[in-house]
């Protein structure tokens, strides 16, 4: 049986890949194991989809998405500077300049500045709803043999579809 590859996640991964550098792995769905050679990495998953009538012939779909950024922190742990790794996660997710503006390379800015993800199919990032960023988790169990610092962004995408 082949693995399902969600086309909405593919569009968002392509958007992030085109606007960042340094991320090695891009995963459609949550994976159980990522090799250290593919870190830092991004995993995306759909948390929920809501569909409701938009017109007599159209539905609007709201898709709640979850993106996890994962960084390998083994080197940092050896140097006893865990804070530095967590700061790297923050930089990747919500890096800001001195005037509080999100840096154009931060994933949150990429998501909120590129509203029309797929114009042909009406796929847009919903900036009318909150994007929630939860940075600074350290995990040892997700990827055996690795110590990772992780952060999560939850956001909503939407599109209309003819029934």
Protein backbone atom coordinates (compact mmCIF):
# COMPACT_ATOMS: atom_id res chain seq x y z
CA UNK A 1 0.00 0.00 0.00
CA UNK A 2 1.39 3.39 -0.94
CA UNK A 3 1.71 6.22 1.53
CA UNK A 4 -0.82 9.05 1.22
CA UNK A 5 0.84 12.34 0.26
CA UNK A 6 -1.43 15.28 0.99
CA UNK A 7 -1.31 17.87 -1.83
CA UNK A 8 -2.06 20.78 0.54
CA UNK A 9 0.91 19.88 2.72
CA UNK A 10 3.05 19.55 -0.43
CA UNK A 11 2.16 23.13 -1.42
CA UNK A 12 3.12 24.46 2.01
CA UNK A 13 6.36 22.47 2.13
CA UNK A 14 7.30 23.83 -1.31
CA UNK A 15 6.55 27.38 -0.12
CA UNK A 16 8.77 27.00 2.94
CA UNK A 17 11.54 25.29 0.97
CA UNK A 18 11.55 28.12 -1.61
CA UNK A 19 11.90 30.80 1.08
CA UNK A 20 14.38 29.28 3.55
CA UNK A 21 17.81 27.75 3.55
CA UNK A 22 19.35 25.35 5.99
CA UNK A 23 16.36 23.04 6.43
CA UNK A 24 17.41 19.63 5.13
CA UNK A 25 14.31 17.48 5.58
CA UNK A 26 10.73 18.20 4.53
CA UNK A 27 8.15 15.59 5.57
CA UNK A 28 4.51 15.28 4.52
CA UNK A 29 2.95 13.90 7.68
CA UNK A 30 4.60 13.01 10.96
CA UNK A 31 7.35 10.45 10.70
CA UNK A 32 8.64 8.11 13.38
CA UNK A 33 12.31 8.41 12.51
CA UNK A 34 14.42 11.09 10.85
CA UNK A 35 18.12 10.49 10.23
CA UNK A 36 20.42 13.07 11.81
CA UNK A 37 21.73 13.91 8.33
CA UNK A 38 18.25 15.32 7.51
CA UNK A 39 18.11 17.72 10.48
CA UNK A 40 17.00 20.42 10.83
CA UNK A 41 13.71 19.24 9.41
CA UNK A 42 10.09 20.26 9.07
CA UNK A 43 7.15 17.86 9.44
CA UNK A 44 3.61 18.92 8.57
CA UNK A 45 0.32 17.25 9.39
CA UNK A 46 -3.35 18.14 9.00
CA UNK A 47 -4.96 18.26 12.44
CA UNK A 48 -8.53 18.72 11.24
CA UNK A 49 -10.63 19.74 8.25
CA UNK A 50 -13.94 21.58 8.47
CA UNK A 51 -16.23 21.89 5.46
CA UNK A 52 -19.39 23.95 5.24
CA UNK A 53 -21.61 25.45 2.61
CA UNK A 54 -20.24 28.62 1.03
CA UNK A 55 -22.85 29.01 -1.70
CA UNK A 56 -25.43 26.88 -3.47
CA UNK A 57 -22.69 24.99 -5.31
CA UNK A 58 -19.53 25.56 -3.24
CA UNK A 59 -18.11 24.45 0.08
CA UNK A 60 -15.42 26.24 2.04
CA UNK A 61 -12.79 24.03 3.69
CA UNK A 62 -10.80 25.18 6.72
CA UNK A 63 -7.77 23.01 7.38
CA UNK A 64 -5.98 23.26 10.71
CA UNK A 65 -2.32 22.50 10.08
CA UNK A 66 0.53 21.64 12.40
CA UNK A 67 4.16 22.21 11.47
CA UNK A 68 7.00 20.94 13.66
CA UNK A 69 10.54 22.26 13.22
CA UNK A 70 13.17 19.84 14.58
CA UNK A 71 16.83 20.64 15.20
CA UNK A 72 19.60 18.25 16.29
CA UNK A 73 21.07 19.54 19.57
CA UNK A 74 23.65 16.85 20.36
CA UNK A 75 26.57 19.22 19.73
CA UNK A 76 24.94 21.89 21.88
CA UNK A 77 24.36 19.45 24.74
CA UNK A 78 28.03 18.50 24.67
CA UNK A 79 28.87 22.21 24.97
CA UNK A 80 26.33 22.71 27.82
CA UNK A 81 24.56 25.46 25.86
CA UNK A 82 21.01 24.14 25.53
CA UNK A 83 19.65 27.68 25.43
CA UNK A 84 21.49 28.27 22.15
CA UNK A 85 19.66 25.37 20.48
CA UNK A 86 16.31 26.59 21.71
CA UNK A 87 17.18 30.04 20.39
CA UNK A 88 17.93 28.46 17.00
CA UNK A 89 14.45 26.94 17.00
CA UNK A 90 12.96 30.33 17.88
CA UNK A 91 15.00 31.96 15.11
CA UNK A 92 13.70 29.48 12.53
CA UNK A 93 10.08 29.75 13.65
CA UNK A 94 9.60 33.36 14.74
CA UNK A 95 12.91 35.20 14.29
CA UNK A 96 12.43 38.97 14.68
CA UNK A 97 14.56 42.02 14.02
CA UNK A 98 15.14 44.88 16.48
CA UNK A 99 11.86 46.55 15.47
CA UNK A 100 9.90 43.33 16.27
CA UNK A 101 9.21 42.58 12.61
CA UNK A 102 9.35 38.92 11.70
CA UNK A 103 12.39 38.15 9.58
CA UNK A 104 11.48 37.14 6.04
CA UNK A 105 13.25 33.81 6.61
CA UNK A 106 11.17 32.90 9.67
CA UNK A 107 8.59 30.22 8.98
CA UNK A 108 5.81 32.26 10.59
CA UNK A 109 6.55 35.19 8.27
CA UNK A 110 6.65 32.89 5.24
CA UNK A 111 3.23 31.49 6.14
CA UNK A 112 1.63 34.87 6.88
CA UNK A 113 3.25 36.84 4.03
CA UNK A 114 2.46 34.40 1.24
CA UNK A 115 -1.29 34.25 1.58
CA UNK A 116 -2.05 32.78 -1.84
CA UNK A 117 -0.36 29.42 -1.64
CA UNK A 118 -2.09 28.03 -4.75
CA UNK A 119 -4.10 30.67 -6.60
CA UNK A 120 -5.42 28.25 -9.22
CA UNK A 121 -7.12 26.18 -6.51
CA UNK A 122 -7.96 29.01 -4.07
CA UNK A 123 -5.63 27.68 -1.34
CA UNK A 124 -4.84 30.48 1.09
CA UNK A 125 -3.37 30.90 4.54
CA UNK A 126 -6.00 32.29 6.90
CA UNK A 127 -4.42 35.34 8.55
CA UNK A 128 -7.78 36.22 10.10
CA UNK A 129 -7.23 33.46 12.62
CA UNK A 130 -4.38 33.15 15.07
CA UNK A 131 -1.23 31.26 14.19
CA UNK A 132 0.01 29.66 17.41
CA UNK A 133 3.73 29.06 17.94
CA UNK A 134 4.95 26.77 20.71
CA UNK A 135 8.75 26.75 20.78
CA UNK A 136 11.31 25.24 23.05
CA UNK A 137 10.54 21.58 23.60
CA UNK A 138 13.46 19.19 23.97
CA UNK A 139 12.78 15.59 23.02
CA UNK A 140 14.89 12.48 23.34
CA UNK A 141 12.29 9.80 22.65
CA UNK A 142 10.92 10.75 19.23
CA UNK A 143 14.12 9.89 17.35
CA UNK A 144 16.18 7.19 19.12
CA UNK A 145 19.80 8.23 19.56
CA UNK A 146 19.09 11.90 18.85
CA UNK A 147 18.49 14.85 21.11
CA UNK A 148 16.29 17.39 19.38
CA UNK A 149 14.90 20.82 20.12
CA UNK A 150 11.48 21.29 18.58
CA UNK A 151 8.90 23.98 18.05
CA UNK A 152 5.39 23.86 16.61
CA UNK A 153 3.36 26.29 14.52
CA UNK A 154 -0.38 25.73 14.22
CA UNK A 155 -2.21 27.68 11.54
CA UNK A 156 -5.29 27.49 9.34
CA UNK A 157 -5.50 27.20 5.57
CA UNK A 158 -8.68 27.42 3.55
CA UNK A 159 -10.06 27.00 0.03
CA UNK A 160 -13.39 26.82 -1.71
CA UNK A 161 -14.44 23.80 -3.71
CA UNK A 162 -17.33 23.12 -6.09
CA UNK A 163 -19.52 20.30 -4.81
